[in-house]
């Protein structure tokens, strides 16, 4: 792998891990969707930040195909209803360090993308999964969809310089 390892530029920035999507029962429990690699992992983090405000999950578990959780101070259905639709975020420094051959998507967003020939393609706006591989949405003179494939396309990630080098044709 050609990635330069470094700490994220702003370790206290908030990273979205999921979303509160509904209510469960009458005692303040909420349904949530996790965007972590293993969905249950979202339950390991505390505090969660909802609209920038810290909330401590008291308990949580799998329920059917989803997850449910109860937050401290959220003791009834009316209180829980005010949380529906909110993103669940944690501070970047709450996440464990990535393995040597890994990088968090949150650390890639905002990186400048430059070809191996030095052509500036723009900034990584977001990433998404496909069945075959992850894809970066790069916004510059136009929007480009570039596959995130180590060594084949992505040649170097330098988090300190906030730059990624790619083997990619600018006209593609």
C-alpha atoms as a PDB file:
ATOM      1  CA  UNK A   1       0.000   0.000   0.000  1.00  0.00           C
ATOM      2  CA  UNK A   2       1.229   3.510  -0.756  1.00  0.00           C
ATOM      3  CA  UNK A   3      -0.537   5.357   2.047  1.00  0.00           C
ATOM      4  CA  UNK A   4       1.327   7.760   4.266  1.00  0.00           C
ATOM      5  CA  UNK A   5       0.171   7.198   7.836  1.00  0.00           C
ATOM      6  CA  UNK A   6      -0.650  10.212   9.945  1.00  0.00           C
ATOM      7  CA  UNK A   7      -3.188  11.430  12.429  1.00  0.00           C
ATOM      8  CA  UNK A   8      -6.326  13.100  11.136  1.00  0.00           C
ATOM      9  CA  UNK A   9      -6.149  16.877  10.701  1.00  0.00           C
ATOM     10  CA  UNK A  10      -8.879  17.568  13.271  1.00  0.00           C
ATOM     11  CA  UNK A  11      -9.257  14.676  15.734  1.00  0.00           C
ATOM     12  CA  UNK A  12     -12.207  16.285  17.555  1.00  0.00           C
ATOM     13  CA  UNK A  13     -14.340  16.732  14.433  1.00  0.00           C
ATOM     14  CA  UNK A  14     -17.574  14.767  14.326  1.00  0.00           C
ATOM     15  CA  UNK A  15     -17.964  11.675  12.161  1.00  0.00           C
ATOM     16  CA  UNK A  16     -21.383  10.246  11.307  1.00  0.00           C
ATOM     17  CA  UNK A  17     -21.820   6.591  12.282  1.00  0.00           C
ATOM     18  CA  UNK A  18     -25.565   6.216  11.834  1.00  0.00           C
ATOM     19  CA  UNK A  19     -29.006   7.737  12.204  1.00  0.00           C
ATOM     20  CA  UNK A  20     -31.992   7.509  14.527  1.00  0.00           C
ATOM     21  CA  UNK A  21     -34.836   6.352  12.299  1.00  0.00           C
ATOM     22  CA  UNK A  22     -37.776   5.602  14.559  1.00  0.00           C
ATOM     23  CA  UNK A  23     -39.289   4.839  17.931  1.00  0.00           C
ATOM     24  CA  UNK A  24     -39.434   1.564  19.818  1.00  0.00           C
ATOM     25  CA  UNK A  25     -41.936   1.142  22.609  1.00  0.00           C
ATOM     26  CA  UNK A  26     -43.041   3.727  25.155  1.00  0.00           C
ATOM     27  CA  UNK A  27     -39.960   3.937  27.405  1.00  0.00           C
ATOM     28  CA  UNK A  28     -37.799   6.168  25.218  1.00  0.00           C
ATOM     29  CA  UNK A  29     -36.039   3.570  23.086  1.00  0.00           C
ATOM     30  CA  UNK A  30     -35.131   4.495  19.511  1.00  0.00           C
ATOM     31  CA  UNK A  31     -34.521   2.496  16.333  1.00  0.00           C
ATOM     32  CA  UNK A  32     -31.286   3.247  14.557  1.00  0.00           C
ATOM     33  CA  UNK A  33     -29.363   2.483  11.419  1.00  0.00           C
ATOM     34  CA  UNK A  34     -25.634   1.935  11.765  1.00  0.00           C
ATOM     35  CA  UNK A  35     -23.144   2.794   9.037  1.00  0.00           C
ATOM     36  CA  UNK A  36     -20.261   1.039  10.797  1.00  0.00           C
ATOM     37  CA  UNK A  37     -18.658  -2.010   9.148  1.00  0.00           C
ATOM     38  CA  UNK A  38     -20.172  -4.238  11.839  1.00  0.00           C
ATOM     39  CA  UNK A  39     -23.509  -2.604  12.718  1.00  0.00           C
ATOM     40  CA  UNK A  40     -23.350  -3.478  16.440  1.00  0.00           C
ATOM     41  CA  UNK A  41     -20.105  -1.483  16.774  1.00  0.00           C
ATOM     42  CA  UNK A  42     -22.069   1.775  16.955  1.00  0.00           C
ATOM     43  CA  UNK A  43     -23.254   0.679  20.399  1.00  0.00           C
ATOM     44  CA  UNK A  44     -19.659   0.688  21.720  1.00  0.00           C
ATOM     45  CA  UNK A  45     -19.230   4.439  21.375  1.00  0.00           C
ATOM     46  CA  UNK A  46     -20.158   6.990  24.002  1.00  0.00           C
ATOM     47  CA  UNK A  47     -21.043   9.746  23.927  1.00  0.00           C
ATOM     48  CA  UNK A  48     -23.006  10.076  20.730  1.00  0.00           C
ATOM     49  CA  UNK A  49     -23.474  13.579  19.397  1.00  0.00           C
ATOM     50  CA  UNK A  50     -26.917  14.492  18.076  1.00  0.00           C
ATOM     51  CA  UNK A  51     -26.900  17.958  16.490  1.00  0.00           C
ATOM     52  CA  UNK A  52     -23.615  18.600  18.308  1.00  0.00           C
ATOM     53  CA  UNK A  53     -25.031  17.781  21.759  1.00  0.00           C
ATOM     54  CA  UNK A  54     -23.613  14.775  23.671  1.00  0.00           C
ATOM     55  CA  UNK A  55     -25.979  11.926  24.547  1.00  0.00           C
ATOM     56  CA  UNK A  56     -24.912   8.791  26.413  1.00  0.00           C
ATOM     57  CA  UNK A  57     -26.349   5.482  25.218  1.00  0.00           C
ATOM     58  CA  UNK A  58     -27.442   3.538  28.302  1.00  0.00           C
ATOM     59  CA  UNK A  59     -28.065   0.274  26.510  1.00  0.00           C
ATOM     60  CA  UNK A  60     -28.645  -1.076  23.040  1.00  0.00           C
ATOM     61  CA  UNK A  61     -29.100  -4.321  21.179  1.00  0.00           C
ATOM     62  CA  UNK A  62     -30.041  -5.992  17.930  1.00  0.00           C
ATOM     63  CA  UNK A  63     -33.752  -6.181  17.272  1.00  0.00           C
ATOM     64  CA  UNK A  64     -34.811  -8.061  14.176  1.00  0.00           C
ATOM     65  CA  UNK A  65     -32.681  -6.790  11.306  1.00  0.00           C
ATOM     66  CA  UNK A  66     -31.944  -3.477  13.017  1.00  0.00           C
ATOM     67  CA  UNK A  67     -30.727  -1.978  16.267  1.00  0.00           C
ATOM     68  CA  UNK A  68     -32.465  -0.289  19.167  1.00  0.00           C
ATOM     69  CA  UNK A  69     -30.999   1.826  21.945  1.00  0.00           C
ATOM     70  CA  UNK A  70     -31.962   3.875  24.954  1.00  0.00           C
ATOM     71  CA  UNK A  71     -30.216   7.154  25.723  1.00  0.00           C
ATOM     72  CA  UNK A  72     -29.709   8.690  29.168  1.00  0.00           C
ATOM     73  CA  UNK A  73     -32.384  11.310  29.826  1.00  0.00           C
ATOM     74  CA  UNK A  74     -34.692   9.936  27.160  1.00  0.00           C
ATOM     75  CA  UNK A  75     -37.270   8.119  29.266  1.00  0.00           C
ATOM     76  CA  UNK A  76     -40.489   8.260  27.261  1.00  0.00           C
ATOM     77  CA  UNK A  77     -41.806   8.098  23.725  1.00  0.00           C
ATOM     78  CA  UNK A  78     -42.314  11.878  23.460  1.00  0.00           C
ATOM     79  CA  UNK A  79     -38.668  12.564  24.360  1.00  0.00           C
ATOM     80  CA  UNK A  80     -37.487   9.885  21.926  1.00  0.00           C
ATOM     81  CA  UNK A  81     -39.649  11.356  19.144  1.00  0.00           C
ATOM     82  CA  UNK A  82     -37.597  14.571  19.240  1.00  0.00           C
ATOM     83  CA  UNK A  83     -34.499  12.544  18.264  1.00  0.00           C
ATOM     84  CA  UNK A  84     -35.894  10.797  15.171  1.00  0.00           C
ATOM     85  CA  UNK A  85     -34.065  11.790  11.999  1.00  0.00           C
ATOM     86  CA  UNK A  86     -30.908  12.962  13.738  1.00  0.00           C
ATOM     87  CA  UNK A  87     -27.472  11.752  12.687  1.00  0.00           C
ATOM     88  CA  UNK A  88     -25.483   9.819  15.291  1.00  0.00           C
ATOM     89  CA  UNK A  89     -21.981  11.250  15.379  1.00  0.00           C
ATOM     90  CA  UNK A  90     -18.860  10.642  17.450  1.00  0.00           C
ATOM     91  CA  UNK A  91     -15.621  12.580  17.724  1.00  0.00           C
ATOM     92  CA  UNK A  92     -13.012  11.303  15.253  1.00  0.00           C
ATOM     93  CA  UNK A  93     -10.614  10.643  18.143  1.00  0.00           C
ATOM     94  CA  UNK A  94     -13.145   8.186  19.664  1.00  0.00           C
ATOM     95  CA  UNK A  95     -12.543   5.807  16.754  1.00  0.00           C
ATOM     96  CA  UNK A  96      -9.760   3.231  17.056  1.00  0.00           C
ATOM     97  CA  UNK A  97      -6.708   3.798  14.884  1.00  0.00           C
ATOM     98  CA  UNK A  98      -7.130   2.195  11.461  1.00  0.00           C
ATOM     99  CA  UNK A  99      -5.020  -0.831  10.617  1.00  0.00           C
ATOM    100  CA  UNK A 100      -1.886  -0.275   8.523  1.00  0.00           C
ATOM    101  CA  UNK A 101      -3.726  -1.051   5.277  1.00  0.00           C
ATOM    102  CA  UNK A 102      -6.920   0.838   6.160  1.00  0.00           C
ATOM    103  CA  UNK A 103      -8.158   4.408   6.226  1.00  0.00           C
ATOM    104  CA  UNK A 104     -11.422   5.879   7.461  1.00  0.00           C
ATOM    105  CA  UNK A 105     -13.664   7.385   4.806  1.00  0.00           C
ATOM    106  CA  UNK A 106     -14.092  10.397   7.095  1.00  0.00           C
ATOM    107  CA  UNK A 107     -10.334  11.042   6.803  1.00  0.00           C
ATOM    108  CA  UNK A 108     -10.529  10.956   2.991  1.00  0.00           C
ATOM    109  CA  UNK A 109     -13.382  13.428   2.610  1.00  0.00           C
ATOM    110  CA  UNK A 110     -11.973  16.836   1.756  1.00  0.00           C
ATOM    111  CA  UNK A 111      -8.658  15.523   0.391  1.00  0.00           C
ATOM    112  CA  UNK A 112      -7.377  17.060  -2.835  1.00  0.00           C
ATOM    113  CA  UNK A 113      -7.078  14.445  -5.603  1.00  0.00           C
ATOM    114  CA  UNK A 114      -4.139  14.782  -7.979  1.00  0.00           C
ATOM    115  CA  UNK A 115      -3.116  12.444 -10.795  1.00  0.00           C
ATOM    116  CA  UNK A 116       0.325  10.862 -10.844  1.00  0.00           C
ATOM    117  CA  UNK A 117       1.094  13.392 -13.612  1.00  0.00           C
ATOM    118  CA  UNK A 118       0.170  16.322 -11.339  1.00  0.00           C
ATOM    119  CA  UNK A 119      -3.286  17.195 -12.725  1.00  0.00           C
ATOM    120  CA  UNK A 120      -5.622  18.491 -10.010  1.00  0.00           C
ATOM    121  CA  UNK A 121      -8.960  16.658 -10.242  1.00  0.00           C
ATOM    122  CA  UNK A 122     -10.664  18.311  -7.263  1.00  0.00           C
ATOM    123  CA  UNK A 123     -11.733  17.436  -3.735  1.00  0.00           C
ATOM    124  CA  UNK A 124     -13.261  14.196  -2.411  1.00  0.00           C
ATOM    125  CA  UNK A 125     -16.852  15.124  -1.588  1.00  0.00           C
ATOM    126  CA  UNK A 126     -17.991  11.711  -0.366  1.00  0.00           C
ATOM    127  CA  UNK A 127     -17.574   7.979  -0.859  1.00  0.00           C
ATOM    128  CA  UNK A 128     -20.100   5.227  -1.391  1.00  0.00           C
ATOM    129  CA  UNK A 129     -20.140   1.458  -1.678  1.00  0.00           C
ATOM    130  CA  UNK A 130     -21.028  -0.531  -4.748  1.00  0.00           C
ATOM    131  CA  UNK A 131     -21.132  -4.282  -5.068  1.00  0.00           C
ATOM    132  CA  UNK A 132     -17.686  -4.350  -6.647  1.00  0.00           C
ATOM    133  CA  UNK A 133     -15.707  -1.608  -4.872  1.00  0.00           C
ATOM    134  CA  UNK A 134     -15.947   1.724  -3.070  1.00  0.00           C
ATOM    135  CA  UNK A 135     -16.246   4.866  -5.197  1.00  0.00           C
ATOM    136  CA  UNK A 136     -15.039   8.410  -4.506  1.00  0.00           C
ATOM    137  CA  UNK A 137     -17.088  11.377  -5.679  1.00  0.00           C
ATOM    138  CA  UNK A 138     -14.517  14.011  -6.644  1.00  0.00           C
ATOM    139  CA  UNK A 139     -15.710  17.553  -7.325  1.00  0.00           C
ATOM    140  CA  UNK A 140     -13.492  19.836  -9.353  1.00  0.00           C
ATOM    141  CA  UNK A 141     -14.000  21.343 -12.804  1.00  0.00           C
ATOM    142  CA  UNK A 142     -16.675  18.628 -12.996  1.00  0.00           C
ATOM    143  CA  UNK A 143     -17.834  15.692 -10.899  1.00  0.00           C
ATOM    144  CA  UNK A 144     -15.846  12.469 -11.304  1.00  0.00           C
ATOM    145  CA  UNK A 145     -16.584   9.017  -9.933  1.00  0.00           C
ATOM    146  CA  UNK A 146     -13.266   7.316  -9.234  1.00  0.00           C
ATOM    147  CA  UNK A 147     -13.015   3.758  -7.880  1.00  0.00           C
ATOM    148  CA  UNK A 148     -11.184   3.450  -4.578  1.00  0.00           C
ATOM    149  CA  UNK A 149      -8.800   0.634  -5.477  1.00  0.00           C
ATOM    150  CA  UNK A 150      -5.487   0.554  -3.614  1.00  0.00           C
ATOM    151  CA  UNK A 151      -2.438   0.302  -5.866  1.00  0.00           C
ATOM    152  CA  UNK A 152      -4.463   0.085  -9.098  1.00  0.00           C
ATOM    153  CA  UNK A 153      -5.981   3.584  -8.870  1.00  0.00           C
ATOM    154  CA  UNK A 154      -5.106   5.035  -5.457  1.00  0.00           C
ATOM    155  CA  UNK A 155      -1.336   5.323  -5.327  1.00  0.00           C
ATOM    156  CA  UNK A 156      -0.770   7.447  -2.235  1.00  0.00           C
ATOM    157  CA  UNK A 157      -2.796   8.956   0.594  1.00  0.00           C
ATOM    158  CA  UNK A 158      -1.084  11.719   2.555  1.00  0.00           C
ATOM    159  CA  UNK A 159      -3.376  12.828   5.367  1.00  0.00           C
ATOM    160  CA  UNK A 160      -0.899  15.460   6.621  1.00  0.00           C
ATOM    161  CA  UNK A 161      -0.823  17.173   3.220  1.00  0.00           C
ATOM    162  CA  UNK A 162      -4.553  16.409   2.707  1.00  0.00           C
ATOM    163  CA  UNK A 163      -3.781  14.920  -0.694  1.00  0.00           C
ATOM    164  CA  UNK A 164      -4.372  11.708  -2.609  1.00  0.00           C
ATOM    165  CA  UNK A 165      -2.408  10.654  -5.689  1.00  0.00           C
ATOM    166  CA  UNK A 166      -4.299   8.575  -8.241  1.00  0.00           C
ATOM    167  CA  UNK A 167      -3.522   6.849 -11.520  1.00  0.00           C
ATOM    168  CA  UNK A 168      -6.513   8.253 -13.416  1.00  0.00           C
ATOM    169  CA  UNK A 169      -7.043   9.921 -16.759  1.00  0.00           C
ATOM    170  CA  UNK A 170      -8.357  13.499 -16.267  1.00  0.00           C
ATOM    171  CA  UNK A 171     -10.676  13.140 -19.275  1.00  0.00           C
ATOM    172  CA  UNK A 172     -12.323  10.025 -17.878  1.00  0.00           C
END
